[in-house]
């Protein structure tokens, strides 16, 4: 199907087989046009022959580590009670669990497991800065987190075992929107009413895409692992709050409400239209009209939004001359898994490179290379301009890169990624 020929929404399928064209079963441009942010899609064989890169025991071990965001959700079918515990957990928390009706969820697994992180290469049809993390859930038979909605797009890849997914796709079918009210007195946000329109069982390699606010309910048919690739979708209040912090830093106190055109009021107690127009004028005076400053604010914001953790230097960095010698002789710089990079073209024909809230001005070619490469070897370093090397070295000093060498000396052991 050509990406230029649009299909009627009523004729669009809710299920496709991607065996011949993984991972979407269609050209990414068609998916973005017809489904993204609009319509759910079950993709059979999105990852044909998929083998999970980690097993349930691996996930349980990760959930015991400090700094890992993990939750254990269990459901008592008799009483209807839901219980939520947060990690880190102890190893002896798991052997005593029943063989049914509980789920372990671990956020940001891609920051801890490079094999899980590698899956994100299959999602290059999306802006990388829009992808938040890969959450992995293990569910015992019957395990679930209840019927709910998410406020962001998500891809649910079945990695191991089988999970039954029910969704309510009435909006995509042109029907009235469902009730999205939550149950009261429940430990998690569960829908008060849920009436599915579709019911599927997913096996390894199958993937379900859900736009925001599509009601869904997943239940493990047998012990299973599900990988959730979720998007960053900051709310308007989060954007406005951070933006106001930015504009208020340099706000000119001399710019105030003023009314040199004041006329005698019809009623001195009335806040009239003229007064409100002056309020709007005063607020407009603090608007940010510099597009580069606006862009730099957003670049810093989105590369720190819901960050997995703070990146800090692991030790004394090597002097630049020694680091460059290392790179010229086979060493490489490995990006810290929690470091987030993106870039934007500036109005002066250069680029702003953003790394976990930091902005650096570099040539466009350097920004493209640094934002995409997780490893900088000698040839990559040599291909950078002087400004690009300055930026890369500054990020190395800040802990965003660790030195990988076959036989680093003591000075080189500086917090390898």
Protein backbone atom coordinates (compact mmCIF):
# COMPACT_ATOMS: atom_id res chain seq x y z
CA UNK A 1 0.00 0.00 0.00
CA UNK A 2 1.44 3.38 -0.99
CA UNK A 3 1.98 5.86 1.83
CA UNK A 4 0.32 8.48 -0.40
CA UNK A 5 -2.97 6.63 -0.87
CA UNK A 6 -5.00 7.01 2.28
CA UNK A 7 -7.38 4.24 3.30
CA UNK A 8 -10.77 4.96 4.80
CA UNK A 9 -10.58 4.54 8.61
CA UNK A 10 -13.49 2.10 8.51
CA UNK A 11 -11.52 -0.16 6.16
CA UNK A 12 -8.33 -0.20 8.21
CA UNK A 13 -7.67 -3.55 9.91
CA UNK A 14 -7.06 -3.88 13.63
CA UNK A 15 -4.81 -6.90 13.06
CA UNK A 16 -2.00 -7.52 10.58
CA UNK A 17 0.70 -10.17 10.09
CA UNK A 18 4.19 -8.68 9.85
CA UNK A 19 6.13 -11.85 9.05
CA UNK A 20 7.02 -10.52 5.60
CA UNK A 21 7.54 -6.90 6.69
CA UNK A 22 8.50 -6.66 10.38
CA UNK A 23 8.06 -4.99 12.76
CA UNK A 24 4.83 -3.25 11.62
CA UNK A 25 3.59 -5.26 8.66
CA UNK A 26 3.55 -2.06 6.60
CA UNK A 27 5.74 0.85 5.63
CA UNK A 28 6.42 2.97 8.73
CA UNK A 29 5.05 6.05 6.93
CA UNK A 30 1.72 4.23 6.47
CA UNK A 31 1.66 3.21 10.12
CA UNK A 32 2.34 6.78 11.27
CA UNK A 33 -0.34 8.16 8.95
CA UNK A 34 -3.10 5.64 9.68
CA UNK A 35 -2.44 4.31 13.20
CA UNK A 36 -0.01 6.40 15.24
CA UNK A 37 -1.86 8.30 17.98
CA UNK A 38 -5.14 7.30 16.32
CA UNK A 39 -5.91 3.59 16.15
CA UNK A 40 -4.80 0.41 17.97
CA UNK A 41 -3.12 -2.36 16.01
CA UNK A 42 -2.23 -5.97 16.77
CA UNK A 43 0.90 -6.95 14.85
CA UNK A 44 1.34 -10.71 14.61
CA UNK A 45 4.96 -11.78 14.04
CA UNK A 46 6.29 -8.27 14.60
CA UNK A 47 9.50 -10.02 15.68
CA UNK A 48 9.39 -13.44 13.97
CA UNK A 49 11.07 -16.20 15.98
CA UNK A 50 11.63 -13.82 18.88
CA UNK A 51 13.75 -15.10 21.76
CA UNK A 52 13.60 -13.12 24.98
CA UNK A 53 16.96 -11.57 25.95
CA UNK A 54 16.18 -12.02 29.64
CA UNK A 55 14.22 -14.50 31.72
CA UNK A 56 11.93 -14.08 34.75
CA UNK A 57 14.77 -14.83 37.19
CA UNK A 58 16.84 -12.10 35.58
CA UNK A 59 14.01 -9.61 36.05
CA UNK A 60 13.53 -10.62 39.68
CA UNK A 61 17.25 -10.15 40.30
CA UNK A 62 17.14 -6.70 38.73
CA UNK A 63 14.16 -5.75 40.92
CA UNK A 64 16.37 -6.36 43.96
CA UNK A 65 18.96 -3.77 42.90
CA UNK A 66 19.13 -0.32 44.49
CA UNK A 67 18.05 2.42 42.12
CA UNK A 68 15.77 0.17 40.07
CA UNK A 69 12.11 1.21 39.86
CA UNK A 70 10.06 -1.92 40.47
CA UNK A 71 6.54 -2.74 41.59
CA UNK A 72 4.85 -5.97 42.62
CA UNK A 73 1.08 -5.99 42.04
CA UNK A 74 -1.11 -8.81 43.28
CA UNK A 75 -4.84 -9.42 43.09
CA UNK A 76 -7.05 -11.41 45.45
CA UNK A 77 -9.92 -12.63 43.29
CA UNK A 78 -12.02 -13.57 46.30
CA UNK A 79 -12.05 -10.15 47.92
CA UNK A 80 -11.27 -8.15 44.80
CA UNK A 81 -8.43 -6.48 46.71
CA UNK A 82 -5.35 -5.19 44.90
CA UNK A 83 -2.02 -4.89 46.65
CA UNK A 84 0.94 -2.82 45.43
CA UNK A 85 4.48 -3.05 46.78
CA UNK A 86 7.47 -1.06 45.57
CA UNK A 87 11.08 -2.17 45.32
CA UNK A 88 13.86 -2.72 45.75
CA UNK A 89 12.91 -6.21 46.86
CA UNK A 90 14.82 -8.89 48.73
CA UNK A 91 15.65 -12.18 47.02
CA UNK A 92 13.56 -14.09 49.54
CA UNK A 93 10.45 -12.02 48.62
CA UNK A 94 9.86 -14.12 45.49
CA UNK A 95 10.01 -17.81 46.49
CA UNK A 96 7.01 -17.41 48.79
CA UNK A 97 4.74 -15.92 46.14
CA UNK A 98 1.84 -18.02 44.82
CA UNK A 99 1.88 -19.42 41.28
CA UNK A 100 -0.93 -17.13 40.14
CA UNK A 101 -2.39 -13.61 40.15
CA UNK A 102 0.66 -11.38 40.59
CA UNK A 103 2.82 -9.23 38.34
CA UNK A 104 6.32 -7.81 38.71
CA UNK A 105 6.96 -4.61 36.73
CA UNK A 106 10.42 -3.10 36.28
CA UNK A 107 10.95 0.28 34.60
CA UNK A 108 13.90 1.36 32.45
CA UNK A 109 15.21 -2.14 31.84
CA UNK A 110 16.89 -0.84 28.69
CA UNK A 111 19.17 1.25 30.93
CA UNK A 112 20.35 -1.91 32.71
CA UNK A 113 20.38 -4.56 30.00
CA UNK A 114 22.09 -3.82 26.65
CA UNK A 115 20.25 -6.66 24.91
CA UNK A 116 16.91 -5.10 25.86
CA UNK A 117 18.21 -1.67 24.81
CA UNK A 118 19.12 -3.12 21.40
CA UNK A 119 15.41 -3.70 20.71
CA UNK A 120 14.95 0.05 20.39
CA UNK A 121 16.82 -0.05 17.10
CA UNK A 122 13.63 -1.54 15.65
CA UNK A 123 11.76 1.66 16.54
CA UNK A 124 13.86 4.12 14.55
CA UNK A 125 10.72 5.16 12.66
CA UNK A 126 9.95 7.27 15.76
CA UNK A 127 11.90 10.25 17.12
CA UNK A 128 14.30 8.76 19.65
CA UNK A 129 13.63 11.56 22.12
CA UNK A 130 9.96 10.53 22.17
CA UNK A 131 10.79 7.01 23.42
CA UNK A 132 10.87 6.85 27.20
CA UNK A 133 11.90 3.36 28.26
CA UNK A 134 11.37 -0.36 27.99
CA UNK A 135 9.38 -1.58 30.97
CA UNK A 136 9.40 -5.35 31.45
CA UNK A 137 6.70 -7.18 33.33
CA UNK A 138 6.61 -10.77 34.48
CA UNK A 139 3.18 -12.16 35.30
CA UNK A 140 2.36 -15.45 36.93
CA UNK A 141 -0.64 -17.24 35.46
CA UNK A 142 -3.65 -14.94 35.90
CA UNK A 143 -1.41 -12.01 36.71
CA UNK A 144 -2.71 -8.61 35.67
CA UNK A 145 -2.68 -4.93 36.56
CA UNK A 146 -6.38 -4.56 35.78
CA UNK A 147 -8.27 -2.66 33.10
CA UNK A 148 -6.75 0.80 32.67
CA UNK A 149 -5.66 3.49 30.23
CA UNK A 150 -2.29 5.09 29.58
CA UNK A 151 -1.78 8.71 28.63
CA UNK A 152 0.94 7.87 26.12
CA UNK A 153 1.49 5.63 23.10
CA UNK A 154 2.83 2.18 23.94
CA UNK A 155 4.01 -0.93 22.09
CA UNK A 156 3.42 -4.16 24.03
CA UNK A 157 5.79 -6.86 22.78
CA UNK A 158 5.16 -10.37 23.99
CA UNK A 159 8.57 -11.81 24.85
CA UNK A 160 7.85 -15.09 26.63
CA UNK A 161 4.71 -17.08 27.37
CA UNK A 162 1.24 -15.88 26.41
CA UNK A 163 -0.90 -12.96 27.48
CA UNK A 164 -4.54 -12.29 26.66
CA UNK A 165 -5.20 -8.66 25.75
CA UNK A 166 -8.66 -7.16 25.65
CA UNK A 167 -9.11 -3.61 24.35
CA UNK A 168 -11.97 -1.16 23.89
CA UNK A 169 -11.53 0.31 20.40
CA UNK A 170 -14.90 2.02 20.14
CA UNK A 171 -13.43 5.47 19.47
CA UNK A 172 -11.38 4.11 16.55
CA UNK A 173 -14.56 2.45 15.28
CA UNK A 174 -16.40 5.78 15.24
CA UNK A 175 -18.51 4.97 18.30
CA UNK A 176 -19.01 7.07 21.44
CA UNK A 177 -16.06 7.25 23.82
CA UNK A 178 -16.15 4.86 26.79
CA UNK A 179 -16.39 5.90 30.42
CA UNK A 180 -12.84 6.50 31.67
CA UNK A 181 -13.77 7.01 35.31
CA UNK A 182 -11.68 5.19 37.93
CA UNK A 183 -12.74 2.83 40.67
CA UNK A 184 -12.69 4.23 44.17
CA UNK A 185 -10.69 2.82 47.09
CA UNK A 186 -8.34 0.81 44.86
CA UNK A 187 -4.56 0.91 45.20
CA UNK A 188 -4.08 1.45 41.45
CA UNK A 189 -6.03 3.45 38.86
CA UNK A 190 -8.47 0.91 37.45
CA UNK A 191 -11.37 1.69 35.15
CA UNK A 192 -14.80 1.67 36.71
CA UNK A 193 -16.31 0.16 33.55
CA UNK A 194 -14.59 -1.88 30.88
CA UNK A 195 -16.34 -3.40 27.85
CA UNK A 196 -13.83 -4.85 25.35
CA UNK A 197 -14.43 -4.82 21.63
CA UNK A 198 -11.44 -7.04 20.80
CA UNK A 199 -9.92 -10.08 22.51
CA UNK A 200 -6.56 -11.54 21.47
CA UNK A 201 -3.95 -13.93 22.87
CA UNK A 202 -0.38 -12.86 22.05
CA UNK A 203 2.59 -15.21 21.82
CA UNK A 204 6.31 -14.49 21.58
CA UNK A 205 7.04 -11.98 18.83
CA UNK A 206 3.51 -10.58 18.66
CA UNK A 207 3.10 -6.89 19.47
CA UNK A 208 0.12 -4.70 20.35
CA UNK A 209 0.25 -0.97 19.64
CA UNK A 210 -2.05 1.27 21.69
CA UNK A 211 -2.56 5.02 21.28
CA UNK A 212 -3.22 7.10 24.39
CA UNK A 213 -6.47 6.56 26.33
CA UNK A 214 -7.41 3.21 24.76
CA UNK A 215 -8.83 1.04 27.57
CA UNK A 216 -6.99 -2.27 27.81
CA UNK A 217 -6.63 -5.26 30.09
CA UNK A 218 -3.89 -7.88 29.92
CA UNK A 219 -4.01 -11.21 31.75
CA UNK A 220 -1.27 -13.88 31.70
CA UNK A 221 -2.44 -17.15 30.18
CA UNK A 222 0.70 -18.78 31.57
CA UNK A 223 3.90 -17.38 33.16
CA UNK A 224 4.91 -14.66 30.73
CA UNK A 225 7.12 -11.66 30.02
CA UNK A 226 5.88 -8.55 28.24
CA UNK A 227 8.12 -5.69 27.07
CA UNK A 228 6.41 -2.29 27.03
CA UNK A 229 8.03 0.39 24.88
CA UNK A 230 6.47 3.57 26.22
CA UNK A 231 6.64 7.14 24.99
CA UNK A 232 7.51 10.38 26.75
CA UNK A 233 4.34 12.46 26.87
CA UNK A 234 4.69 15.33 29.35
CA UNK A 235 1.43 16.92 30.39
CA UNK A 236 0.62 20.54 29.60
CA UNK A 237 1.00 21.40 33.29
CA UNK A 238 4.50 19.90 33.33
CA UNK A 239 5.47 21.80 30.20
CA UNK A 240 4.00 25.08 31.42
CA UNK A 241 5.55 24.73 34.88
CA UNK A 242 9.03 24.12 33.53
CA UNK A 243 8.63 26.81 30.86
CA UNK A 244 7.59 29.38 33.45
CA UNK A 245 10.63 28.52 35.53
CA UNK A 246 12.72 29.26 32.43
CA UNK A 247 11.14 32.60 31.51
CA UNK A 248 10.98 33.84 35.09
CA UNK A 249 14.72 33.43 35.60
CA UNK A 250 15.46 36.48 33.46
CA UNK A 251 12.12 38.26 33.69
CA UNK A 252 12.50 42.04 33.74
CA UNK A 253 11.03 43.38 36.98
CA UNK A 254 10.62 46.76 35.26
CA UNK A 255 7.94 45.28 32.99
CA UNK A 256 4.74 45.69 34.98
CA UNK A 257 1.04 46.22 34.61
CA UNK A 258 0.57 49.80 33.44
CA UNK A 259 -2.39 51.96 32.49
CA UNK A 260 -1.28 55.34 31.19
CA UNK A 261 -4.44 55.23 29.01
CA UNK A 262 -6.68 54.94 32.08
CA UNK A 263 -10.10 56.56 31.76
CA UNK A 264 -12.55 57.33 34.54
CA UNK A 265 -14.24 53.96 35.26
CA UNK A 266 -17.98 53.54 35.06
CA UNK A 267 -17.69 51.52 38.28
CA UNK A 268 -14.46 51.71 40.30
CA UNK A 269 -15.00 48.16 41.56
CA UNK A 270 -15.21 46.61 38.09
CA UNK A 271 -12.28 44.83 36.42
CA UNK A 272 -13.28 45.96 32.94
CA UNK A 273 -12.27 44.84 29.45
CA UNK A 274 -9.60 47.51 29.14
CA UNK A 275 -7.99 46.30 32.37
CA UNK A 276 -7.94 42.71 31.16
CA UNK A 277 -6.36 43.79 27.88
CA UNK A 278 -3.55 45.40 29.89
CA UNK A 279 -3.11 42.16 31.87
CA UNK A 280 -2.71 40.25 28.61
CA UNK A 281 -0.17 42.85 27.44
CA UNK A 282 1.83 42.44 30.65
CA UNK A 283 1.85 38.67 30.29
CA UNK A 284 2.83 38.88 26.63
CA UNK A 285 5.85 40.96 27.63
CA UNK A 286 7.44 37.88 29.25
CA UNK A 287 6.85 35.57 26.28
CA UNK A 288 9.96 34.00 24.83
CA UNK A 289 10.32 35.21 21.26
CA UNK A 290 13.84 33.85 20.76
CA UNK A 291 13.32 30.52 18.93
CA UNK A 292 16.76 29.21 19.88
CA UNK A 293 16.19 29.88 23.55
CA UNK A 294 12.78 28.24 23.31
CA UNK A 295 14.29 25.25 21.53
CA UNK A 296 17.13 24.97 24.02
CA UNK A 297 14.64 24.99 26.88
CA UNK A 298 12.66 22.14 25.32
CA UNK A 299 15.78 20.17 24.44
CA UNK A 300 17.00 20.38 28.03
CA UNK A 301 13.55 19.56 29.39
CA UNK A 302 12.79 16.52 27.21
CA UNK A 303 16.22 14.93 27.78
CA UNK A 304 15.65 15.06 31.55
CA UNK A 305 11.91 14.35 31.65
CA UNK A 306 11.24 11.24 33.74
CA UNK A 307 14.96 10.50 33.83
CA UNK A 308 16.03 7.04 34.97
CA UNK A 309 18.71 8.45 37.25
CA UNK A 310 21.37 11.09 37.64
CA UNK A 311 24.56 10.61 35.69
CA UNK A 312 27.66 11.51 37.71
CA UNK A 313 31.39 11.11 36.98
CA UNK A 314 32.73 7.78 38.20
CA UNK A 315 36.20 9.03 39.02
CA UNK A 316 38.95 11.38 37.90
CA UNK A 317 38.70 11.78 34.11
CA UNK A 318 41.79 11.31 32.01
CA UNK A 319 43.47 14.43 30.66
CA UNK A 320 42.31 15.10 27.15
CA UNK A 321 45.70 14.46 25.56
CA UNK A 322 45.83 11.02 27.20
CA UNK A 323 42.23 10.25 26.28
CA UNK A 324 42.90 11.10 22.63
CA UNK A 325 45.99 8.88 22.69
CA UNK A 326 43.84 6.05 24.08
CA UNK A 327 41.24 6.52 21.34
CA UNK A 328 43.93 6.54 18.66
CA UNK A 329 45.22 3.21 19.99
CA UNK A 330 42.05 1.13 20.09
CA UNK A 331 40.10 2.46 23.08
CA UNK A 332 36.56 3.80 22.80
CA UNK A 333 34.07 5.89 24.73
CA UNK A 334 30.87 4.10 25.78
CA UNK A 335 27.84 6.29 26.44
CA UNK A 336 26.24 5.94 29.86
CA UNK A 337 22.96 4.02 29.42
CA UNK A 338 21.01 6.67 31.37
CA UNK A 339 22.29 9.56 29.22
CA UNK A 340 19.68 10.92 26.84
CA UNK A 341 20.72 12.80 23.72
CA UNK A 342 18.88 14.76 21.07
CA UNK A 343 19.71 17.66 18.80
CA UNK A 344 18.08 20.62 17.03
CA UNK A 345 19.06 22.89 14.17
CA UNK A 346 19.77 26.45 15.27
CA UNK A 347 18.88 29.58 13.36
CA UNK A 348 22.60 30.32 12.87
CA UNK A 349 22.97 27.08 10.81
CA UNK A 350 24.67 25.28 13.68
CA UNK A 351 23.09 22.76 16.05
CA UNK A 352 22.29 22.46 19.71
CA UNK A 353 23.18 19.07 21.17
CA UNK A 354 21.21 18.15 24.28
CA UNK A 355 22.43 15.60 26.79
CA UNK A 356 20.41 14.97 29.95
CA UNK A 357 19.51 18.63 30.40
CA UNK A 358 22.71 20.11 29.07
CA UNK A 359 22.94 22.12 25.81
CA UNK A 360 26.10 22.33 23.70
CA UNK A 361 26.51 24.22 20.41
CA UNK A 362 28.21 22.12 17.71
CA UNK A 363 28.10 21.75 13.91
CA UNK A 364 25.12 19.81 12.57
CA UNK A 365 27.29 16.88 11.42
CA UNK A 366 28.73 16.49 14.92
CA UNK A 367 25.30 16.68 16.52
CA UNK A 368 24.03 13.90 14.24
CA UNK A 369 26.98 11.65 15.08
CA UNK A 370 27.03 12.27 18.83
CA UNK A 371 23.27 11.91 19.30
CA UNK A 372 23.17 8.58 17.46
CA UNK A 373 26.40 6.82 18.43
CA UNK A 374 26.45 4.95 21.73
CA UNK A 375 30.17 4.21 21.19
CA UNK A 376 32.82 6.69 20.03
CA UNK A 377 35.95 4.99 18.75
CA UNK A 378 39.09 6.57 17.33
CA UNK A 379 37.79 7.09 13.77
CA UNK A 380 34.53 8.60 15.08
CA UNK A 381 36.49 10.96 17.32
CA UNK A 382 38.72 12.00 14.41
CA UNK A 383 35.66 12.73 12.26
CA UNK A 384 34.43 15.33 14.77
CA UNK A 385 35.25 19.00 14.41
CA UNK A 386 37.14 20.78 17.18
CA UNK A 387 33.84 21.99 18.66
CA UNK A 388 32.47 18.45 18.46
CA UNK A 389 35.49 17.04 20.30
CA UNK A 390 35.20 19.79 22.91
CA UNK A 391 31.57 18.80 23.46
CA UNK A 392 32.35 15.07 23.61
CA UNK A 393 35.17 15.64 26.09
CA UNK A 394 32.93 17.83 28.27
CA UNK A 395 30.32 15.06 28.32
CA UNK A 396 33.03 12.53 29.17
CA UNK A 397 34.13 14.70 32.09
CA UNK A 398 30.51 14.87 33.29
CA UNK A 399 30.19 11.05 33.28
CA UNK A 400 28.12 10.64 30.12
CA UNK A 401 30.87 8.52 28.56
CA UNK A 402 33.11 5.90 30.13
CA UNK A 403 36.44 4.80 28.69
CA UNK A 404 36.60 1.30 27.29
CA UNK A 405 40.14 -0.03 26.86
CA UNK A 406 41.69 -3.49 26.72
CA UNK A 407 44.12 -2.73 29.53
CA UNK A 408 43.37 0.65 31.13
CA UNK A 409 45.85 1.88 33.70
CA UNK A 410 44.69 3.17 37.05
CA UNK A 411 44.11 6.69 35.74
CA UNK A 412 41.90 5.29 33.02
CA UNK A 413 39.52 3.53 35.39
CA UNK A 414 37.18 6.46 35.52
CA UNK A 415 33.69 5.10 35.72
CA UNK A 416 33.25 2.96 32.65
CA UNK A 417 29.67 2.88 31.44
